[in-house]
Amino acid sequence: MATNEKFSVTRVVTRDIVVDLLQAARNLLGMRLTGYEEIISKNINELIKEAEKKYRIKWWRLSVNPLTHSSVMITIYGEGDKLKK
C-alpha cells in the first residue's frame, strides 16, 4: 500500500567557464542570459523526473536559491505516495 510522505530533492549547480564567457558578453549587451536559463531548466526537469521515480506526486514546489561564487541550489519538495521498488 502506498503511503503519503513529504519529499525533497536538491541539486547544487555550479558555474561553467565556457557558459560564463558567453553569458558575460550577452550581459554587457543587455541580452537575456539564455545559457544560464537552459542550465537551470535542464536541472529542474531532471529533479522532477528523479522525484517521480520514487513518488506519485500529489503536489510540489520549486525553490531556486543563489549561493556564493555563481552557483545555485535547486530544490523540489512536496508530498506524494511513495512507490514500491
C-alpha atoms as a PDB file:
ATOM      1  CA  MET A   1       0.000   0.000   0.000  1.00  0.00           C
ATOM      2  CA  ALA A   2       1.310   3.462  -0.892  1.00  0.00           C
ATOM      3  CA  THR A   3       1.955   5.930   1.889  1.00  0.00           C
ATOM      4  CA  ASN A   4       1.701   9.702   1.653  1.00  0.00           C
ATOM      5  CA  GLU A   5       5.071  11.247   2.518  1.00  0.00           C
ATOM      6  CA  LYS A   6       6.862  14.555   2.303  1.00  0.00           C
ATOM      7  CA  PHE A   7       9.860  14.561  -0.021  1.00  0.00           C
ATOM      8  CA  SER A   8      12.611  16.852  -1.237  1.00  0.00           C
ATOM      9  CA  VAL A   9      15.265  16.543  -3.913  1.00  0.00           C
ATOM     10  CA  THR A  10      18.111  19.086  -4.024  1.00  0.00           C
ATOM     11  CA  ARG A  11      20.884  19.797  -6.504  1.00  0.00           C
ATOM     12  CA  VAL A  12      23.624  22.442  -6.485  1.00  0.00           C
ATOM     13  CA  VAL A  13      24.619  23.688  -9.936  1.00  0.00           C
ATOM     14  CA  THR A  14      27.978  25.427 -10.244  1.00  0.00           C
ATOM     15  CA  ARG A  15      29.407  27.722 -12.866  1.00  0.00           C
ATOM     16  CA  ASP A  16      30.715  26.624 -16.239  1.00  0.00           C
ATOM     17  CA  ILE A  17      33.618  28.666 -17.617  1.00  0.00           C
ATOM     18  CA  VAL A  18      32.519  28.398 -21.272  1.00  0.00           C
ATOM     19  CA  VAL A  19      28.950  29.412 -20.498  1.00  0.00           C
ATOM     20  CA  ASP A  20      30.218  32.201 -18.213  1.00  0.00           C
ATOM     21  CA  LEU A  21      32.268  33.778 -21.013  1.00  0.00           C
ATOM     22  CA  LEU A  22      29.364  33.765 -23.455  1.00  0.00           C
ATOM     23  CA  GLN A  23      26.858  34.998 -20.894  1.00  0.00           C
ATOM     24  CA  ALA A  24      29.168  37.838 -19.760  1.00  0.00           C
ATOM     25  CA  ALA A  25      29.175  39.161 -23.333  1.00  0.00           C
ATOM     26  CA  ARG A  26      25.370  38.851 -23.569  1.00  0.00           C
ATOM     27  CA  ASN A  27      25.021  40.611 -20.208  1.00  0.00           C
ATOM     28  CA  LEU A  28      27.133  43.564 -21.417  1.00  0.00           C
ATOM     29  CA  LEU A  29      24.779  43.933 -24.373  1.00  0.00           C
ATOM     30  CA  GLY A  30      21.665  43.751 -22.175  1.00  0.00           C
ATOM     31  CA  MET A  31      20.523  40.456 -23.651  1.00  0.00           C
ATOM     32  CA  ARG A  32      18.793  37.536 -21.923  1.00  0.00           C
ATOM     33  CA  LEU A  33      21.174  35.047 -20.331  1.00  0.00           C
ATOM     34  CA  THR A  34      19.756  32.052 -22.175  1.00  0.00           C
ATOM     35  CA  GLY A  35      22.752  29.817 -21.388  1.00  0.00           C
ATOM     36  CA  TYR A  36      22.015  30.066 -17.671  1.00  0.00           C
ATOM     37  CA  GLU A  37      18.272  29.672 -18.300  1.00  0.00           C
ATOM     38  CA  GLU A  38      18.916  26.406 -20.150  1.00  0.00           C
ATOM     39  CA  ILE A  39      21.164  25.034 -17.392  1.00  0.00           C
ATOM     40  CA  ILE A  40      18.582  25.788 -14.690  1.00  0.00           C
ATOM     41  CA  SER A  41      15.661  24.460 -16.759  1.00  0.00           C
ATOM     42  CA  LYS A  42      17.505  21.214 -17.576  1.00  0.00           C
ATOM     43  CA  ASN A  43      18.294  20.599 -13.891  1.00  0.00           C
ATOM     44  CA  ILE A  44      14.727  21.358 -12.790  1.00  0.00           C
ATOM     45  CA  ASN A  45      13.388  18.805 -15.273  1.00  0.00           C
ATOM     46  CA  GLU A  46      15.913  16.199 -14.089  1.00  0.00           C
ATOM     47  CA  LEU A  47      14.936  16.763 -10.436  1.00  0.00           C
ATOM     48  CA  ILE A  48      11.232  16.351 -11.238  1.00  0.00           C
ATOM     49  CA  LYS A  49      11.939  13.077 -13.075  1.00  0.00           C
ATOM     50  CA  GLU A  50      14.065  11.865 -10.147  1.00  0.00           C
ATOM     51  CA  ALA A  51      11.218  12.600  -7.694  1.00  0.00           C
ATOM     52  CA  GLU A  52       8.667  10.899  -9.986  1.00  0.00           C
ATOM     53  CA  LYS A  53      10.725   7.680  -9.888  1.00  0.00           C
ATOM     54  CA  LYS A  54      10.218   7.481  -6.112  1.00  0.00           C
ATOM     55  CA  TYR A  55       6.811   9.136  -5.567  1.00  0.00           C
ATOM     56  CA  ARG A  56       3.400   9.501  -7.150  1.00  0.00           C
ATOM     57  CA  ILE A  57       3.482  13.248  -6.623  1.00  0.00           C
ATOM     58  CA  LYS A  58       0.338  14.951  -5.301  1.00  0.00           C
ATOM     59  CA  TRP A  59       1.828  18.445  -5.211  1.00  0.00           C
ATOM     60  CA  TRP A  60       5.266  20.014  -5.465  1.00  0.00           C
ATOM     61  CA  ARG A  61       7.017  23.349  -5.113  1.00  0.00           C
ATOM     62  CA  LEU A  62      10.221  24.692  -6.572  1.00  0.00           C
ATOM     63  CA  SER A  63      12.896  26.692  -4.782  1.00  0.00           C
ATOM     64  CA  VAL A  64      15.861  28.219  -6.628  1.00  0.00           C
ATOM     65  CA  ASN A  65      18.376  29.980  -4.370  1.00  0.00           C
ATOM     66  CA  PRO A  66      21.631  31.663  -5.355  1.00  0.00           C
ATOM     67  CA  LEU A  67      24.734  30.564  -3.474  1.00  0.00           C
ATOM     68  CA  THR A  68      28.228  32.050  -3.388  1.00  0.00           C
ATOM     69  CA  HIS A  69      30.594  32.117  -6.376  1.00  0.00           C
ATOM     70  CA  SER A  70      27.973  31.867  -9.146  1.00  0.00           C
ATOM     71  CA  SER A  71      26.287  28.671  -8.049  1.00  0.00           C
ATOM     72  CA  VAL A  72      22.620  27.972  -7.446  1.00  0.00           C
ATOM     73  CA  MET A  73      20.734  25.477  -5.274  1.00  0.00           C
ATOM     74  CA  ILE A  74      17.578  23.981  -6.794  1.00  0.00           C
ATOM     75  CA  THR A  75      15.112  22.113  -4.560  1.00  0.00           C
ATOM     76  CA  ILE A  76      11.909  20.318  -5.494  1.00  0.00           C
ATOM     77  CA  TYR A  77       9.739  19.475  -2.470  1.00  0.00           C
ATOM     78  CA  GLY A  78       6.194  18.374  -1.809  1.00  0.00           C
ATOM     79  CA  GLU A  79       4.051  15.345  -0.934  1.00  0.00           C
ATOM     80  CA  GLY A  80       3.338  12.113  -2.696  1.00  0.00           C
ATOM     81  CA  ASP A  81       2.681   8.432  -2.326  1.00  0.00           C
ATOM     82  CA  LYS A  82       5.925   6.509  -2.072  1.00  0.00           C
ATOM     83  CA  LEU A  83       6.171   3.945  -4.861  1.00  0.00           C
ATOM     84  CA  LYS A  84       7.202   0.359  -4.213  1.00  0.00           C
ATOM     85  CA  LYS A  85      10.589  -0.660  -5.545  1.00  0.00           C
END
